[in-house]
Amino acid sequence: MPLPFMLMADDSGAIFEHPRLLMVGASGIHPVASVPETVHEVPPYTKLFFLPGCTPAGQDPSTGRIVFVERYRGRPVFAVSAFLPPGHLRLLLPSARPDYPRRPLPLWSYSAAGWARGTIVAPYVTLDATPRWSPENYDDRDLIPAVAPLRQALPGNRLLEHLIRCATEYHCFAAKNLFLGRWEAPLPVSRACNARCLGCLSLQPPDGCAASHERIAFTPTPGEVADVALFHLSRAEEPIVSFGQGCEGEPLTEVDLIEESIRRIRAVTSRGVINLNTNGYSAALLKRLVQAGLDSVRVSLASARRDVFAAYHKPIGFSLADVTEAIEAAAEAGAFTMLNYLVCPGVTDQPEEIRALVRLARTAKVRFIHLKNLNIDPWFYLTALGAEQWPRGFGMEQVVDALRAELPDVELGYFNRWAITTGV
């Protein structure tokens, strides 16, 4: 792969390459020249964005200098970013200079992007090539005819109606799975949360990032939850049902509801996996759910460092130590334990972060780490963490290598896996 050219966009959103300057990425706030070995043609279904209010940067190949381009051929230009499909780990952020004051960009994971050999390229590694989560498997022409039969099977079920909106309006892949009769399906139940995560998908302050969708507006009954779960578990291929979705708050705030739902489900069938996605604030509550029949737990974590954890999650009444204790308690009670680790170049690849993550994973007996590109405006995130003074990270690909070396018994990936969770 030759060194790619820088991409930029005009104020109409038209994207084009610079004829001379090379693509530059960023580790945190630090510009990083692209390396051919890490740059690849973007995967199918990659989306491109132009970033209004962000001046793009490129590298002058004759001097090696980083150059910010405010205008091109007399017109203002803006930075361009790629959004890689799930399963692909971005290695660099876009390199740009944001204008202030500004509202944070929408909740996508922004990656450096360039132009080489007549195609869009980006620095990334494919971490989890599970084809089940490829967009080609989620065609609405298959989905829409499958909605009516579930409505007929579960008339008046409010949770089902909520998930119809998730599938058809927000295009949630997990919700689509429910109607397509396969794999992992969601069970959102909670309206409240005891954290104020910077990148929350469903609830944001007026001056924050634009929430990508609305939070569930009601609390379903255990009967509604169990009916949806049993419909899926009874017929789906390799079925998983998961509490804790982007369209809800923290599911442990509804522990009584979830416990009763699990007991109703397991009174009827032992088939499939019942999973919980959570911030993991309480060991006692997690242990209750495992004892009721919960099979697996995935705890979301932006950082294993106390100060960074607090700056991103803004927990109310709990700490990172509580989260570590809760994961360990779930593991000891018999659950398959996972981290939903939200990663960002320049933050995750700090040496002290990896050391802290390794300690947490060993202490808490974590068995699987999902490396998820964090969906957030990178400059908003870095400012909130106070990361402007941090050094350049040592590289996201090195993060993967370090975790594999330090945690050889821990699986790394991107998606929940039925076979691993069930021990098959």
Protein backbone atom coordinates (compact mmCIF):
# COMPACT_ATOMS: atom_id res chain seq x y z
CA MET A 1 0.00 0.00 0.00
CA PRO A 2 1.55 3.36 -0.99
CA LEU A 3 1.30 6.30 1.39
CA PRO A 4 -2.26 7.60 1.00
CA PHE A 5 -3.23 11.15 0.20
CA MET A 6 -5.15 13.34 2.60
CA LEU A 7 -8.92 13.57 2.23
CA MET A 8 -10.94 16.74 2.72
CA ALA A 9 -14.46 17.98 2.05
CA ASP A 10 -16.03 21.23 0.94
CA ASP A 11 -19.01 22.86 2.63
CA SER A 12 -21.45 20.90 0.46
CA GLY A 13 -20.08 17.60 1.82
CA ALA A 14 -18.26 16.63 -1.39
CA ILE A 15 -15.17 14.59 -0.46
CA PHE A 16 -11.95 14.66 -2.48
CA GLU A 17 -8.25 14.02 -2.05
CA HIS A 18 -5.48 16.59 -1.79
CA PRO A 19 -3.17 16.27 -4.81
CA ARG A 20 0.05 16.48 -2.78
CA LEU A 21 -0.38 16.24 1.00
CA LEU A 22 -0.38 12.82 2.63
CA MET A 23 -2.91 11.40 5.10
CA VAL A 24 -2.19 12.05 8.77
CA GLY A 25 -3.87 10.35 11.71
CA ALA A 26 -3.73 11.19 15.40
CA SER A 27 -2.94 9.47 18.66
CA GLY A 28 -4.90 11.60 21.08
CA ILE A 29 -3.98 15.14 20.06
CA HIS A 30 -0.65 14.10 18.48
CA PRO A 31 -0.43 13.94 14.66
CA VAL A 32 0.90 10.61 13.39
CA ALA A 33 2.04 9.95 9.84
CA SER A 34 0.39 6.88 8.34
CA VAL A 35 2.39 3.66 8.02
CA PRO A 36 1.68 1.55 4.89
CA GLU A 37 1.63 -1.72 6.86
CA THR A 38 -1.33 -0.55 8.97
CA VAL A 39 -3.34 1.09 6.18
CA HIS A 40 -5.85 -0.99 4.24
CA GLU A 41 -8.74 -0.51 1.88
CA VAL A 42 -11.77 0.13 4.07
CA PRO A 43 -14.13 -2.82 4.59
CA PRO A 44 -17.52 -2.94 2.88
CA TYR A 45 -20.20 -0.81 4.58
CA THR A 46 -17.69 1.73 5.88
CA LYS A 47 -19.26 5.17 6.15
CA LEU A 48 -17.50 8.45 5.39
CA PHE A 49 -18.17 11.71 7.22
CA PHE A 50 -17.02 15.24 6.76
CA LEU A 51 -16.43 17.05 10.05
CA PRO A 52 -17.82 20.60 10.01
CA GLY A 53 -15.75 23.07 11.99
CA CYS A 54 -12.67 20.83 11.87
CA THR A 55 -9.68 21.99 9.79
CA PRO A 56 -7.94 18.99 8.17
CA ALA A 57 -4.24 18.21 8.51
CA GLY A 58 -1.89 16.58 6.01
CA GLN A 59 1.82 15.89 5.75
CA ASP A 60 4.05 17.66 3.26
CA PRO A 61 6.00 14.77 1.67
CA SER A 62 8.98 17.00 0.84
CA THR A 63 9.55 18.32 4.37
CA GLY A 64 7.63 15.93 6.66
CA ARG A 65 5.84 18.92 8.21
CA ILE A 66 2.22 18.72 9.32
CA VAL A 67 0.14 21.28 7.41
CA PHE A 68 -3.38 22.47 8.28
CA VAL A 69 -5.45 23.30 5.20
CA GLU A 70 -8.16 25.88 5.81
CA ARG A 71 -8.99 26.61 2.18
CA TYR A 72 -8.49 24.83 -1.12
CA ARG A 73 -9.00 26.55 -4.47
CA GLY A 74 -10.61 29.45 -2.68
CA ARG A 75 -13.15 27.42 -0.71
CA PRO A 76 -13.15 26.41 2.97
CA VAL A 77 -12.46 22.72 3.55
CA PHE A 78 -13.10 20.36 6.43
CA ALA A 79 -11.66 17.15 7.80
CA VAL A 80 -12.94 13.73 6.73
CA SER A 81 -13.37 10.62 8.84
CA ALA A 82 -14.25 6.97 8.30
CA PHE A 83 -16.66 4.97 10.44
CA LEU A 84 -15.51 1.37 10.25
CA PRO A 85 -18.09 -1.41 10.54
CA PRO A 86 -18.12 -3.50 13.73
CA GLY A 87 -15.26 -5.92 14.19
CA HIS A 88 -12.57 -3.58 12.87
CA LEU A 89 -10.34 -1.79 15.38
CA ARG A 90 -9.31 1.73 14.34
CA LEU A 91 -5.66 2.57 14.91
CA LEU A 92 -5.69 6.37 14.55
CA LEU A 93 -8.12 9.24 15.00
CA PRO A 94 -8.55 11.91 12.30
CA SER A 95 -5.94 14.62 12.55
CA ALA A 96 -7.71 17.98 12.56
CA ARG A 97 -7.98 21.26 14.42
CA PRO A 98 -11.51 21.82 15.75
CA ASP A 99 -12.92 25.32 15.91
CA TYR A 100 -14.40 26.60 19.17
CA PRO A 101 -17.01 27.21 20.44
CA ARG A 102 -18.60 24.11 18.97
CA ARG A 103 -21.14 21.44 19.84
CA PRO A 104 -19.67 17.93 20.04
CA LEU A 105 -19.97 15.77 16.95
CA PRO A 106 -22.58 12.97 16.89
CA LEU A 107 -21.80 9.62 18.52
CA TRP A 108 -19.73 7.76 15.94
CA SER A 109 -16.24 6.28 16.20
CA TYR A 110 -14.13 8.61 14.09
CA SER A 111 -11.13 7.12 12.27
CA ALA A 112 -8.42 8.61 10.09
CA ALA A 113 -9.06 8.04 6.39
CA GLY A 114 -7.13 8.63 3.16
CA TRP A 115 -7.00 7.92 -0.57
CA ALA A 116 -4.66 5.43 -2.25
CA ARG A 117 -4.79 3.42 -5.46
CA GLY A 118 -8.16 4.82 -6.35
CA THR A 119 -9.94 3.82 -3.15
CA ILE A 120 -10.66 4.93 0.42
CA VAL A 121 -8.19 3.55 2.97
CA ALA A 122 -7.88 3.69 6.74
CA PRO A 123 -5.50 2.46 9.47
CA TYR A 124 -7.17 -0.51 11.19
CA VAL A 125 -6.87 -4.17 12.10
CA THR A 126 -9.65 -6.70 11.72
CA LEU A 127 -10.21 -7.98 15.22
CA ASP A 128 -13.31 -10.10 14.80
CA ALA A 129 -14.46 -11.13 11.35
CA THR A 130 -17.72 -12.71 12.54
CA PRO A 131 -19.93 -12.47 9.42
CA ARG A 132 -23.15 -12.63 11.44
CA TRP A 133 -22.91 -8.93 12.30
CA SER A 134 -22.24 -7.83 8.73
CA PRO A 135 -24.84 -5.31 7.48
CA GLU A 136 -25.61 -7.54 4.51
CA ASN A 137 -27.41 -9.88 6.93
CA TYR A 138 -29.78 -7.14 8.13
CA ASP A 139 -31.71 -6.19 5.01
CA ASP A 140 -35.02 -4.49 5.80
CA ARG A 141 -36.61 -6.38 2.90
CA ASP A 142 -36.25 -9.48 5.09
CA LEU A 143 -37.11 -7.69 8.30
CA ILE A 144 -40.40 -5.97 7.53
CA PRO A 145 -42.39 -9.12 6.62
CA ALA A 146 -41.20 -10.73 9.88
CA VAL A 147 -42.71 -8.04 12.14
CA ALA A 148 -46.40 -8.93 11.77
CA PRO A 149 -46.08 -12.58 12.87
CA LEU A 150 -44.52 -11.52 16.19
CA ARG A 151 -47.23 -8.93 16.76
CA GLN A 152 -49.79 -11.66 16.25
CA ALA A 153 -47.94 -14.02 18.60
CA LEU A 154 -47.50 -11.41 21.36
CA PRO A 155 -50.44 -8.99 21.05
CA GLY A 156 -50.27 -5.92 23.26
CA ASN A 157 -46.71 -6.61 24.45
CA ARG A 158 -45.21 -3.14 24.98
CA LEU A 159 -41.64 -4.40 24.97
CA LEU A 160 -42.20 -5.95 21.57
CA GLU A 161 -43.60 -2.67 20.25
CA HIS A 162 -40.54 -0.84 21.57
CA LEU A 163 -38.26 -3.34 19.82
CA ILE A 164 -40.17 -2.93 16.56
CA ARG A 165 -39.20 0.73 16.64
CA CYS A 166 -35.60 -0.18 17.50
CA ALA A 167 -35.43 -2.54 14.52
CA THR A 168 -37.24 -0.47 11.91
CA GLU A 169 -36.38 3.12 12.88
CA TYR A 170 -33.02 2.89 14.64
CA HIS A 171 -31.89 -0.17 12.68
CA CYS A 172 -30.55 -1.95 15.76
CA PHE A 173 -29.06 -5.22 14.57
CA ALA A 174 -29.84 -7.00 17.84
CA ALA A 175 -33.50 -5.95 17.61
CA LYS A 176 -33.61 -7.16 14.01
CA ASN A 177 -32.33 -10.54 15.17
CA LEU A 178 -35.45 -10.96 17.30
CA PHE A 179 -37.69 -10.72 14.25
CA LEU A 180 -35.37 -12.71 12.01
CA GLY A 181 -35.26 -15.54 14.53
CA ARG A 182 -31.55 -15.84 15.22
CA TRP A 183 -28.59 -15.10 17.47
CA GLU A 184 -28.60 -12.27 20.03
CA ALA A 185 -31.77 -10.28 20.77
CA PRO A 186 -32.30 -7.40 23.25
CA LEU A 187 -34.41 -7.09 26.41
CA PRO A 188 -34.30 -3.40 27.45
CA VAL A 189 -36.02 -2.72 30.77
CA SER A 190 -34.51 0.31 32.53
CA ARG A 191 -35.33 4.01 32.30
CA ALA A 192 -32.87 5.12 35.02
CA CYS A 193 -29.10 5.13 35.35
CA ASN A 194 -26.61 5.82 38.13
CA ALA A 195 -23.88 7.06 35.77
CA ARG A 196 -23.67 9.94 33.32
CA CYS A 197 -21.40 8.50 30.65
CA LEU A 198 -20.05 11.05 28.19
CA GLY A 199 -20.95 8.80 25.27
CA CYS A 200 -24.40 7.66 26.45
CA LEU A 201 -26.41 6.72 23.37
CA SER A 202 -29.85 7.43 24.78
CA LEU A 203 -29.61 10.40 27.15
CA GLN A 204 -27.47 13.54 26.81
CA PRO A 205 -27.51 17.01 28.37
CA PRO A 206 -28.55 19.90 26.10
CA ASP A 207 -24.93 20.94 25.49
CA GLY A 208 -23.61 17.38 25.04
CA CYS A 209 -23.40 15.04 22.08
CA ALA A 210 -26.66 14.47 20.25
CA ALA A 211 -28.18 11.22 21.55
CA SER A 212 -28.52 8.73 18.72
CA HIS A 213 -31.93 7.52 19.87
CA GLU A 214 -34.50 7.83 22.64
CA ARG A 215 -34.42 5.86 25.88
CA ILE A 216 -37.20 3.40 26.63
CA ALA A 217 -40.10 5.39 28.12
CA PHE A 218 -41.78 2.69 30.24
CA THR A 219 -40.91 -0.23 32.49
CA PRO A 220 -42.07 -3.57 31.07
CA THR A 221 -43.55 -6.22 33.31
CA PRO A 222 -41.76 -9.52 34.02
CA GLY A 223 -44.43 -11.20 31.93
CA GLU A 224 -43.75 -8.98 28.92
CA VAL A 225 -40.01 -9.58 29.24
CA ALA A 226 -40.34 -13.33 29.67
CA ASP A 227 -42.76 -13.66 26.75
CA VAL A 228 -40.37 -11.90 24.36
CA ALA A 229 -37.39 -13.87 25.68
CA LEU A 230 -39.15 -17.23 25.47
CA PHE A 231 -40.32 -16.56 21.93
CA HIS A 232 -36.71 -15.95 20.91
CA LEU A 233 -35.07 -18.69 22.95
CA SER A 234 -37.56 -21.30 21.76
CA ARG A 235 -37.02 -20.80 18.04
CA ALA A 236 -33.81 -18.90 17.29
CA GLU A 237 -30.54 -20.31 16.04
CA GLU A 238 -27.89 -20.19 18.81
CA PRO A 239 -30.06 -17.80 20.84
CA ILE A 240 -28.91 -15.15 23.30
CA VAL A 241 -31.17 -12.64 25.04
CA SER A 242 -29.48 -9.60 26.59
CA PHE A 243 -30.52 -7.10 29.22
CA GLY A 244 -28.71 -3.77 29.03
CA GLN A 245 -29.03 -2.02 25.67
CA GLY A 246 -28.17 1.37 24.18
CA CYS A 247 -31.86 2.33 24.36
CA GLU A 248 -32.02 2.06 28.15
CA GLY A 249 -30.32 3.09 31.37
CA GLU A 250 -28.53 0.79 33.81
CA PRO A 251 -30.37 -2.56 34.01
CA LEU A 252 -29.24 -3.32 37.58
CA THR A 253 -31.51 -0.47 38.72
CA GLU A 254 -34.34 -2.89 37.78
CA VAL A 255 -32.81 -5.92 39.49
CA ASP A 256 -36.13 -7.19 40.93
CA LEU A 257 -37.75 -7.09 37.50
CA ILE A 258 -34.81 -8.84 35.84
CA GLU A 259 -34.56 -11.48 38.56
CA GLU A 260 -38.25 -12.35 38.25
CA SER A 261 -37.99 -12.37 34.44
CA ILE A 262 -35.04 -14.75 34.52
CA ARG A 263 -36.82 -17.08 36.92
CA ARG A 264 -39.88 -17.16 34.65
CA ILE A 265 -37.72 -17.85 31.61
CA ARG A 266 -35.74 -20.63 33.25
CA ALA A 267 -38.89 -22.21 34.66
CA VAL A 268 -39.89 -22.90 31.05
CA THR A 269 -36.62 -23.53 29.19
CA SER A 270 -32.92 -24.04 29.75
CA ARG A 271 -32.21 -23.29 26.10
CA GLY A 272 -29.96 -20.42 25.06
CA VAL A 273 -27.96 -17.78 26.92
CA ILE A 274 -29.28 -15.03 29.17
CA ASN A 275 -26.78 -12.16 29.17
CA LEU A 276 -26.53 -8.86 31.04
CA ASN A 277 -24.73 -5.75 29.81
CA THR A 278 -24.14 -3.47 32.79
CA ASN A 279 -21.90 -0.88 34.41
CA GLY A 280 -21.36 -3.44 37.18
CA TYR A 281 -21.91 -1.17 40.14
CA SER A 282 -23.02 -3.84 42.65
CA ALA A 283 -21.51 -7.23 43.46
CA ALA A 284 -24.52 -8.22 45.55
CA LEU A 285 -27.03 -7.47 42.78
CA LEU A 286 -24.99 -9.25 40.13
CA LYS A 287 -24.65 -12.30 42.35
CA ARG A 288 -28.44 -12.37 42.82
CA LEU A 289 -29.00 -12.48 39.09
CA VAL A 290 -26.43 -15.20 38.50
CA GLN A 291 -28.09 -17.28 41.20
CA ALA A 292 -31.43 -16.72 39.46
CA GLY A 293 -30.05 -18.14 36.20
CA LEU A 294 -28.06 -15.39 34.47
CA ASP A 295 -25.42 -17.01 32.25
CA SER A 296 -23.07 -14.21 31.27
CA VAL A 297 -22.17 -10.65 32.28
CA ARG A 298 -20.52 -7.98 30.15
CA VAL A 299 -19.38 -4.85 31.99
CA SER A 300 -18.79 -1.64 30.02
CA LEU A 301 -15.55 0.12 30.86
CA ALA A 302 -13.84 3.07 29.19
CA SER A 303 -10.74 2.84 31.36
CA ALA A 304 -9.18 0.73 34.10
CA ARG A 305 -7.63 3.87 35.63
CA ARG A 306 -9.67 5.43 38.42
CA ASP A 307 -9.40 9.04 37.26
CA VAL A 308 -10.16 8.28 33.61
CA PHE A 309 -13.00 5.92 34.61
CA ALA A 310 -14.55 8.67 36.74
CA ALA A 311 -14.12 11.35 34.05
CA TYR A 312 -15.92 9.27 31.40
CA HIS A 313 -18.55 7.33 33.36
CA LYS A 314 -19.29 9.97 36.02
CA PRO A 315 -20.58 7.29 38.43
CA ILE A 316 -23.08 8.18 41.13
CA GLY A 317 -22.50 6.29 44.36
CA PHE A 318 -20.02 3.69 43.12
CA SER A 319 -16.38 3.43 42.08
CA LEU A 320 -14.08 1.42 39.84
CA ALA A 321 -13.25 -0.75 42.88
CA ASP A 322 -16.95 -1.65 43.17
CA VAL A 323 -17.02 -2.62 39.50
CA THR A 324 -13.96 -4.86 39.88
CA GLU A 325 -15.52 -6.52 42.92
CA ALA A 326 -18.80 -7.08 41.04
CA ILE A 327 -17.13 -8.77 38.08
CA GLU A 328 -15.20 -11.05 40.40
CA ALA A 329 -18.39 -11.89 42.34
CA ALA A 330 -20.22 -12.77 39.10
CA ALA A 331 -17.34 -15.00 38.01
CA GLU A 332 -17.22 -16.79 41.35
CA ALA A 333 -21.01 -17.32 41.20
CA GLY A 334 -20.55 -19.11 37.87
CA ALA A 335 -21.22 -16.48 35.19
CA PHE A 336 -19.13 -16.08 32.06
CA THR A 337 -17.55 -12.64 32.59
CA MET A 338 -16.63 -10.11 29.92
CA LEU A 339 -15.49 -6.52 29.55
CA ASN A 340 -17.07 -4.23 26.99
CA TYR A 341 -13.86 -2.20 26.76
CA LEU A 342 -14.37 1.15 25.01
CA VAL A 343 -11.12 2.06 23.28
CA CYS A 344 -9.67 5.20 21.75
CA PRO A 345 -6.22 5.82 20.20
CA GLY A 346 -4.13 7.99 22.50
CA VAL A 347 -6.13 6.94 25.59
CA THR A 348 -6.20 3.16 25.59
CA ASP A 349 -2.63 2.81 24.37
CA GLN A 350 -1.05 4.64 27.30
CA PRO A 351 1.30 2.24 29.18
CA GLU A 352 -0.36 2.91 32.54
CA GLU A 353 -3.76 2.06 31.03
CA ILE A 354 -2.66 -1.37 29.85
CA ARG A 355 -1.00 -2.12 33.18
CA ALA A 356 -4.22 -1.16 34.99
CA LEU A 357 -6.38 -3.20 32.62
CA VAL A 358 -4.23 -6.31 33.05
CA ARG A 359 -4.45 -5.97 36.85
CA LEU A 360 -8.23 -5.56 36.73
CA ALA A 361 -8.73 -8.50 34.37
CA ARG A 362 -6.64 -10.79 36.56
CA THR A 363 -8.25 -9.66 39.80
CA ALA A 364 -11.81 -9.86 38.49
CA LYS A 365 -11.31 -13.15 36.62
CA VAL A 366 -12.39 -11.70 33.26
CA ARG A 367 -12.67 -14.30 30.50
CA PHE A 368 -13.38 -12.19 27.41
CA ILE A 369 -12.48 -8.61 26.46
CA HIS A 370 -14.49 -6.92 23.73
CA LEU A 371 -12.36 -4.17 22.19
CA LYS A 372 -14.97 -1.66 21.01
CA ASN A 373 -14.21 1.58 19.19
CA LEU A 374 -15.65 4.28 21.46
CA ASN A 375 -18.38 6.28 19.75
CA ILE A 376 -17.68 9.89 20.71
CA ASP A 377 -16.30 13.16 19.39
CA PRO A 378 -12.56 12.59 20.02
CA TRP A 379 -11.74 16.22 20.88
CA PHE A 380 -14.67 16.45 23.28
CA TYR A 381 -13.52 13.19 24.89
CA LEU A 382 -9.85 14.15 25.17
CA THR A 383 -10.73 17.52 26.70
CA ALA A 384 -13.07 15.91 29.23
CA LEU A 385 -10.29 13.54 30.30
CA GLY A 386 -7.70 16.30 30.54
CA ALA A 387 -5.66 14.35 28.00
CA GLU A 388 -4.21 17.35 26.15
CA GLN A 389 -0.95 16.95 28.08
CA TRP A 390 -0.68 13.18 27.65
CA PRO A 391 2.10 11.76 25.47
CA ARG A 392 1.39 9.99 22.22
CA GLY A 393 0.13 6.43 22.73
CA PHE A 394 2.33 3.50 21.82
CA GLY A 395 -0.12 2.14 19.24
CA MET A 396 -3.46 0.33 19.21
CA GLU A 397 -2.07 -2.72 17.42
CA GLN A 398 0.48 -2.98 20.24
CA VAL A 399 -2.42 -2.94 22.72
CA VAL A 400 -3.76 -6.12 21.14
CA ASP A 401 -0.31 -7.74 21.23
CA ALA A 402 0.24 -6.72 24.86
CA LEU A 403 -3.10 -8.08 26.03
CA ARG A 404 -2.54 -11.38 24.26
CA ALA A 405 0.88 -11.68 25.86
CA GLU A 406 -0.19 -10.65 29.38
CA LEU A 407 -3.61 -12.36 29.41
CA PRO A 408 -3.16 -15.55 27.38
CA ASP A 409 -6.28 -17.18 28.85
CA VAL A 410 -8.52 -14.20 28.02
CA GLU A 411 -10.26 -14.15 24.65
CA LEU A 412 -10.13 -10.90 22.65
CA GLY A 413 -12.89 -10.02 20.23
CA TYR A 414 -15.71 -7.66 19.34
CA PHE A 415 -18.99 -9.61 19.60
CA ASN A 416 -20.78 -11.87 22.06
CA ARG A 417 -20.25 -15.48 21.05
CA TRP A 418 -22.82 -18.11 21.87
CA ALA A 419 -20.38 -21.00 21.64
CA ILE A 420 -17.82 -19.48 24.04
CA THR A 421 -20.44 -18.35 26.52
CA THR A 422 -22.08 -21.76 26.65
CA GLY A 423 -18.79 -23.66 26.66
CA VAL A 424 -19.64 -25.45 23.38
